Every structure is written in structure tokens, then in C-alpha cells.
N, C-alpha and C. Protein backbone atom coordinates (compact mmCIF):
# COMPACT_ATOMS: atom_id res chain seq x y z
N UNK A 1 0.84 -1.18 0.00
CA UNK A 1 0.00 0.00 0.00
C UNK A 1 0.89 1.25 0.00
N UNK A 2 0.50 2.23 -0.77
CA UNK A 2 1.25 3.48 -0.87
C UNK A 2 0.65 4.49 0.09
N UNK A 3 1.51 5.10 0.91
CA UNK A 3 1.04 6.13 1.84
C UNK A 3 1.12 7.49 1.16
N UNK A 4 0.21 8.35 1.52
CA UNK A 4 0.18 9.70 0.96
C UNK A 4 1.28 10.54 1.57
N UNK A 5 2.14 11.11 0.71
CA UNK A 5 3.17 12.02 1.20
C UNK A 5 2.82 13.45 0.86
N UNK A 6 1.62 13.64 0.33
CA UNK A 6 1.24 14.98 -0.12
C UNK A 6 0.57 15.80 0.96
N UNK A 7 0.22 15.20 2.08
CA UNK A 7 -0.39 15.97 3.17
C UNK A 7 -0.03 15.35 4.51
N UNK A 8 -0.28 16.07 5.57
CA UNK A 8 0.05 15.58 6.90
C UNK A 8 -1.06 14.71 7.49
N UNK A 9 -2.28 14.91 7.06
CA UNK A 9 -3.40 14.21 7.66
C UNK A 9 -3.57 12.79 7.13
N UNK A 10 -2.99 12.50 6.01
CA UNK A 10 -3.09 11.19 5.36
C UNK A 10 -4.53 10.83 4.97
N UNK A 11 -5.41 11.84 4.92
CA UNK A 11 -6.81 11.55 4.66
C UNK A 11 -7.20 11.73 3.20
N UNK A 12 -6.44 12.49 2.46
CA UNK A 12 -6.81 12.76 1.09
C UNK A 12 -7.60 14.05 0.94
N UNK A 13 -8.17 14.55 2.02
CA UNK A 13 -8.94 15.78 1.95
C UNK A 13 -8.05 16.97 1.57
N UNK A 14 -6.85 17.01 2.12
CA UNK A 14 -5.93 18.11 1.79
C UNK A 14 -5.54 18.04 0.32
N UNK A 15 -5.32 16.84 -0.20
CA UNK A 15 -5.01 16.68 -1.63
C UNK A 15 -6.16 17.22 -2.48
N UNK A 16 -7.36 16.86 -2.10
CA UNK A 16 -8.54 17.30 -2.84
C UNK A 16 -8.63 18.82 -2.82
N UNK A 17 -8.39 19.43 -1.65
CA UNK A 17 -8.46 20.89 -1.53
C UNK A 17 -7.38 21.57 -2.35
N UNK A 18 -6.16 21.03 -2.33
CA UNK A 18 -5.08 21.61 -3.14
C UNK A 18 -5.46 21.58 -4.60
N UNK A 19 -5.99 20.46 -5.07
CA UNK A 19 -6.37 20.35 -6.48
C UNK A 19 -7.47 21.35 -6.84
N UNK A 20 -8.48 21.48 -6.00
CA UNK A 20 -9.61 22.36 -6.32
C UNK A 20 -9.23 23.83 -6.24
N UNK A 21 -8.56 24.22 -5.17
CA UNK A 21 -8.17 25.62 -5.00
C UNK A 21 -7.18 26.03 -6.08
N UNK A 22 -6.20 25.16 -6.36
CA UNK A 22 -5.23 25.50 -7.40
C UNK A 22 -5.88 25.56 -8.78
N UNK A 23 -6.86 24.71 -9.03
CA UNK A 23 -7.56 24.75 -10.31
C UNK A 23 -8.31 26.07 -10.47
N UNK A 24 -8.94 26.54 -9.41
CA UNK A 24 -9.66 27.82 -9.47
C UNK A 24 -8.67 28.96 -9.71
N UNK A 25 -7.54 28.96 -9.01
CA UNK A 25 -6.54 30.01 -9.21
C UNK A 25 -5.97 29.98 -10.63
N UNK A 26 -5.71 28.79 -11.14
CA UNK A 26 -5.21 28.67 -12.51
C UNK A 26 -6.24 29.17 -13.52
N UNK A 27 -7.51 28.89 -13.27
CA UNK A 27 -8.57 29.38 -14.17
C UNK A 27 -8.67 30.90 -14.11
N UNK A 28 -8.59 31.47 -12.90
CA UNK A 28 -8.64 32.93 -12.77
C UNK A 28 -7.46 33.60 -13.47
N UNK A 29 -6.29 33.03 -13.34
CA UNK A 29 -5.11 33.59 -13.99
C UNK A 29 -5.23 33.50 -15.51
N UNK A 30 -5.77 32.38 -15.98
CA UNK A 30 -5.99 32.21 -17.42
C UNK A 30 -6.97 33.27 -17.93
N UNK A 31 -8.06 33.49 -17.19
CA UNK A 31 -9.03 34.52 -17.58
C UNK A 31 -8.39 35.92 -17.54
N UNK A 32 -7.55 36.17 -16.55
CA UNK A 32 -6.84 37.44 -16.45
C UNK A 32 -5.98 37.67 -17.70
N UNK A 33 -5.18 36.67 -18.06
CA UNK A 33 -4.32 36.81 -19.25
C UNK A 33 -5.15 36.92 -20.52
N UNK A 34 -6.23 36.16 -20.60
CA UNK A 34 -7.11 36.24 -21.77
C UNK A 34 -7.69 37.65 -21.88
N UNK A 35 -8.11 38.22 -20.77
CA UNK A 35 -8.62 39.60 -20.77
C UNK A 35 -7.56 40.59 -21.23
N UNK A 36 -6.33 40.40 -20.80
CA UNK A 36 -5.23 41.27 -21.23
C UNK A 36 -5.03 41.16 -22.73
N UNK A 37 -5.04 39.95 -23.25
CA UNK A 37 -4.85 39.75 -24.70
C UNK A 37 -5.99 40.33 -25.51
N UNK A 38 -7.22 40.20 -25.02
CA UNK A 38 -8.38 40.74 -25.74
C UNK A 38 -8.38 42.27 -25.69
N UNK A 39 -8.04 42.84 -24.53
CA UNK A 39 -8.04 44.29 -24.39
C UNK A 39 -6.87 44.96 -25.11
N UNK A 40 -5.81 44.22 -25.34
CA UNK A 40 -4.60 44.76 -25.99
C UNK A 40 -4.17 43.85 -27.14
N UNK A 41 -4.86 43.92 -28.28
CA UNK A 41 -4.55 42.98 -29.36
C UNK A 41 -3.13 43.12 -29.91
N UNK A 42 -2.55 44.29 -29.87
CA UNK A 42 -1.19 44.48 -30.38
C UNK A 42 -0.17 44.56 -29.26
N UNK A 43 -0.29 43.69 -28.28
CA UNK A 43 0.56 43.74 -27.10
C UNK A 43 2.02 43.52 -27.48
N UNK A 44 2.84 44.52 -27.20
CA UNK A 44 4.26 44.43 -27.51
C UNK A 44 5.09 44.15 -26.27
N UNK A 45 6.38 44.05 -26.47
CA UNK A 45 7.30 43.72 -25.38
C UNK A 45 7.24 44.76 -24.27
N UNK A 46 7.20 46.03 -24.63
CA UNK A 46 7.20 47.09 -23.63
C UNK A 46 5.95 47.03 -22.75
N UNK A 47 4.78 46.80 -23.37
CA UNK A 47 3.54 46.70 -22.60
C UNK A 47 3.55 45.44 -21.70
N UNK A 48 4.08 44.36 -22.25
CA UNK A 48 4.16 43.11 -21.50
C UNK A 48 5.08 43.29 -20.29
N UNK A 49 6.20 43.95 -20.51
CA UNK A 49 7.14 44.21 -19.43
C UNK A 49 6.52 45.14 -18.38
N UNK A 50 5.79 46.15 -18.83
CA UNK A 50 5.12 47.06 -17.90
C UNK A 50 4.08 46.32 -17.06
N UNK A 51 3.31 45.44 -17.70
CA UNK A 51 2.30 44.67 -16.98
C UNK A 51 2.93 43.88 -15.84
N UNK A 52 4.04 43.21 -16.14
CA UNK A 52 4.67 42.37 -15.12
C UNK A 52 5.59 43.15 -14.18
N UNK A 53 5.67 44.45 -14.34
CA UNK A 53 6.40 45.27 -13.37
C UNK A 53 5.47 45.77 -12.27
N UNK A 54 4.17 45.57 -12.44
CA UNK A 54 3.18 45.97 -11.43
C UNK A 54 3.21 44.94 -10.30
N UNK A 55 3.29 45.43 -9.06
CA UNK A 55 3.49 44.56 -7.90
C UNK A 55 2.40 43.49 -7.77
N UNK A 56 1.13 43.89 -7.86
CA UNK A 56 0.05 42.91 -7.65
C UNK A 56 0.02 41.86 -8.74
N UNK A 57 0.47 42.20 -9.96
CA UNK A 57 0.55 41.20 -11.03
C UNK A 57 1.65 40.19 -10.71
N UNK A 58 2.77 40.69 -10.17
CA UNK A 58 3.85 39.79 -9.77
C UNK A 58 3.38 38.84 -8.67
N UNK A 59 2.66 39.37 -7.69
CA UNK A 59 2.17 38.55 -6.59
C UNK A 59 1.16 37.52 -7.10
N UNK A 60 0.22 37.96 -7.94
CA UNK A 60 -0.77 37.06 -8.53
C UNK A 60 -0.09 35.96 -9.34
N UNK A 61 0.93 36.33 -10.09
CA UNK A 61 1.67 35.36 -10.89
C UNK A 61 2.41 34.38 -9.99
N UNK A 62 3.02 34.87 -8.92
CA UNK A 62 3.74 33.99 -8.00
C UNK A 62 2.78 33.01 -7.31
N UNK A 63 1.63 33.50 -6.86
CA UNK A 63 0.64 32.62 -6.23
C UNK A 63 0.16 31.58 -7.23
N UNK A 64 -0.05 31.99 -8.46
CA UNK A 64 -0.49 31.06 -9.49
C UNK A 64 0.59 30.03 -9.79
N UNK A 65 1.83 30.46 -9.82
CA UNK A 65 2.94 29.54 -10.07
C UNK A 65 3.06 28.51 -8.94
N UNK A 66 2.92 28.95 -7.71
CA UNK A 66 2.93 28.02 -6.57
C UNK A 66 1.74 27.06 -6.65
N UNK A 67 0.59 27.57 -7.06
CA UNK A 67 -0.59 26.73 -7.23
C UNK A 67 -0.37 25.69 -8.32
N UNK A 68 0.29 26.10 -9.40
CA UNK A 68 0.58 25.17 -10.49
C UNK A 68 1.48 24.04 -10.02
N UNK A 69 2.51 24.37 -9.25
CA UNK A 69 3.41 23.34 -8.75
C UNK A 69 2.67 22.39 -7.81
N UNK A 70 1.83 22.92 -6.92
CA UNK A 70 1.03 22.07 -6.05
C UNK A 70 0.07 21.18 -6.83
N UNK A 71 -0.55 21.75 -7.85
CA UNK A 71 -1.47 21.01 -8.71
C UNK A 71 -0.74 19.88 -9.44
N UNK A 72 0.42 20.21 -9.97
CA UNK A 72 1.23 19.20 -10.67
C UNK A 72 1.60 18.07 -9.70
N UNK A 73 2.09 18.44 -8.51
CA UNK A 73 2.57 17.41 -7.59
C UNK A 73 1.44 16.48 -7.15
N UNK A 74 0.33 17.02 -6.71
CA UNK A 74 -0.77 16.17 -6.23
C UNK A 74 -1.31 15.30 -7.37
N UNK A 75 -1.52 15.90 -8.53
CA UNK A 75 -2.06 15.13 -9.66
C UNK A 75 -1.12 14.05 -10.14
N UNK A 76 0.14 14.39 -10.32
CA UNK A 76 1.10 13.40 -10.83
C UNK A 76 1.41 12.35 -9.78
N UNK A 77 1.46 12.74 -8.50
CA UNK A 77 1.68 11.76 -7.45
C UNK A 77 0.56 10.72 -7.46
N UNK A 78 -0.66 11.19 -7.62
CA UNK A 78 -1.81 10.28 -7.64
C UNK A 78 -1.73 9.33 -8.83
N UNK A 79 -1.45 9.86 -10.01
CA UNK A 79 -1.36 9.02 -11.21
C UNK A 79 -0.21 8.02 -11.10
N UNK A 80 0.95 8.50 -10.69
CA UNK A 80 2.13 7.63 -10.61
C UNK A 80 1.92 6.52 -9.58
N UNK A 81 1.40 6.85 -8.41
CA UNK A 81 1.20 5.81 -7.40
C UNK A 81 0.09 4.84 -7.77
N UNK A 82 -0.84 5.26 -8.61
CA UNK A 82 -1.89 4.35 -9.07
C UNK A 82 -1.39 3.38 -10.14
N UNK A 83 -0.50 3.83 -11.01
CA UNK A 83 -0.16 3.05 -12.19
C UNK A 83 1.26 2.50 -12.23
N UNK A 84 2.16 2.98 -11.40
CA UNK A 84 3.52 2.44 -11.37
C UNK A 84 3.69 1.71 -10.04
N UNK A 85 3.80 0.40 -10.12
CA UNK A 85 3.80 -0.42 -8.91
C UNK A 85 5.20 -0.73 -8.39
N UNK A 86 6.20 -0.73 -9.26
CA UNK A 86 7.56 -0.98 -8.84
C UNK A 86 8.06 0.23 -8.04
N UNK A 87 8.50 -0.02 -6.81
CA UNK A 87 8.87 1.07 -5.91
C UNK A 87 10.02 1.92 -6.44
N UNK A 88 11.02 1.30 -7.03
CA UNK A 88 12.17 2.06 -7.53
C UNK A 88 11.80 2.92 -8.73
N UNK A 89 11.03 2.36 -9.63
CA UNK A 89 10.60 3.13 -10.81
C UNK A 89 9.72 4.29 -10.36
N UNK A 90 8.81 4.00 -9.43
CA UNK A 90 7.94 5.05 -8.90
C UNK A 90 8.76 6.16 -8.25
N UNK A 91 9.78 5.79 -7.46
CA UNK A 91 10.64 6.77 -6.82
C UNK A 91 11.35 7.63 -7.86
N UNK A 92 11.89 7.01 -8.88
CA UNK A 92 12.62 7.75 -9.92
C UNK A 92 11.69 8.71 -10.65
N UNK A 93 10.50 8.25 -11.01
CA UNK A 93 9.54 9.10 -11.72
C UNK A 93 9.11 10.27 -10.83
N UNK A 94 8.79 9.99 -9.58
CA UNK A 94 8.38 11.07 -8.67
C UNK A 94 9.52 12.05 -8.41
N UNK A 95 10.74 11.53 -8.31
CA UNK A 95 11.90 12.40 -8.13
C UNK A 95 12.07 13.31 -9.35
N UNK A 96 11.92 12.74 -10.55
CA UNK A 96 12.04 13.55 -11.77
C UNK A 96 10.95 14.62 -11.83
N UNK A 97 9.74 14.27 -11.43
CA UNK A 97 8.64 15.24 -11.41
C UNK A 97 8.94 16.35 -10.39
N UNK A 98 9.44 15.97 -9.22
CA UNK A 98 9.75 16.96 -8.18
C UNK A 98 10.86 17.91 -8.64
N UNK A 99 11.91 17.36 -9.23
CA UNK A 99 13.02 18.20 -9.70
C UNK A 99 12.54 19.13 -10.82
N UNK A 100 11.79 18.59 -11.76
CA UNK A 100 11.28 19.41 -12.87
C UNK A 100 10.36 20.52 -12.35
N UNK A 101 9.49 20.19 -11.42
CA UNK A 101 8.59 21.20 -10.84
C UNK A 101 9.38 22.28 -10.11
N UNK A 102 10.42 21.87 -9.39
CA UNK A 102 11.26 22.83 -8.68
C UNK A 102 11.98 23.76 -9.65
N UNK A 103 12.50 23.20 -10.73
CA UNK A 103 13.18 24.01 -11.75
C UNK A 103 12.20 24.99 -12.38
N UNK A 104 10.99 24.53 -12.70
CA UNK A 104 9.96 25.42 -13.24
C UNK A 104 9.66 26.55 -12.26
N UNK A 105 9.54 26.21 -10.98
CA UNK A 105 9.24 27.22 -9.96
C UNK A 105 10.35 28.26 -9.86
N UNK A 106 11.58 27.82 -9.79
CA UNK A 106 12.71 28.75 -9.68
C UNK A 106 12.82 29.60 -10.94
N UNK A 107 12.65 28.99 -12.11
CA UNK A 107 12.70 29.74 -13.36
C UNK A 107 11.58 30.78 -13.42
N UNK A 108 10.39 30.39 -13.01
CA UNK A 108 9.26 31.33 -13.00
C UNK A 108 9.46 32.48 -12.04
N UNK A 109 9.95 32.18 -10.85
CA UNK A 109 10.20 33.24 -9.87
C UNK A 109 11.27 34.19 -10.39
N UNK A 110 12.32 33.64 -10.98
CA UNK A 110 13.39 34.48 -11.53
C UNK A 110 12.87 35.34 -12.66
N UNK A 111 12.04 34.77 -13.52
CA UNK A 111 11.51 35.54 -14.66
C UNK A 111 10.58 36.65 -14.20
N UNK A 112 9.71 36.35 -13.26
CA UNK A 112 8.72 37.35 -12.82
C UNK A 112 9.36 38.43 -11.96
N UNK A 113 10.16 38.07 -11.01
CA UNK A 113 10.72 39.06 -10.09
C UNK A 113 11.99 39.70 -10.64
N UNK A 114 12.47 39.20 -11.77
CA UNK A 114 13.63 39.82 -12.40
C UNK A 114 13.28 40.99 -13.29
N UNK A 115 11.96 41.18 -13.55
CA UNK A 115 11.52 42.26 -14.44
C UNK A 115 11.62 43.58 -13.71
């Protein structure tokens, strides 16, 4: 039996909440960007850079990025533990997902806060 390492309660409720809350945040961020694209059809580099120099946009982007990493981890952990039964292969796949998610997070933080 595989134990849940995604929450402290081991109940699955926290996993469910992470998935739902992060999905809502990802949807809101998608709608935000869609609104920006619709309102500014000829969006150039300077406007894009100005948008991401605004503090609340940086914070919203950071929260969304953290939500994305949480969403990825809970979802992929669930899929991998359901379908990969060999412990070593499962460990390697989960390790690769964790490292990739961490690299995405660091790259995203650097890109957003470096503007």
C-alpha cells in the first residue's frame, strides 16, 4: 500500500483541496491573461514588461505559479502511485517530477521578479 506524502493528515482531503483551489486560481489567472490579450490585441514587449512590473501582477503570478506546482505534484503523485507499482521506478519518476517542478518554480520566480 502506498502512503500519501502529499499531506500531513493522510486523509486525502488536503489533496482534494489543493487540487480544487489551485484549479480555481489557474482558471482565474488564465481569464486574467485572456482579458489582457483581448483588451490589448497588439501587445508588444514594452507593454508586456510594464504589466509584469506591477506589484500585484507579480504577486498574482507567484501565487499562481505556486498553485501550479502544487497542482502538478498532487495530480502526478496520484497518477504515478496508481499506475507504477515498482517502488524504484515510482521513486525515480516522482523524483524527476519533483526536480522538474522545482526548476519550473525557480525559473518562473526568476523571470517574474527579475523584471
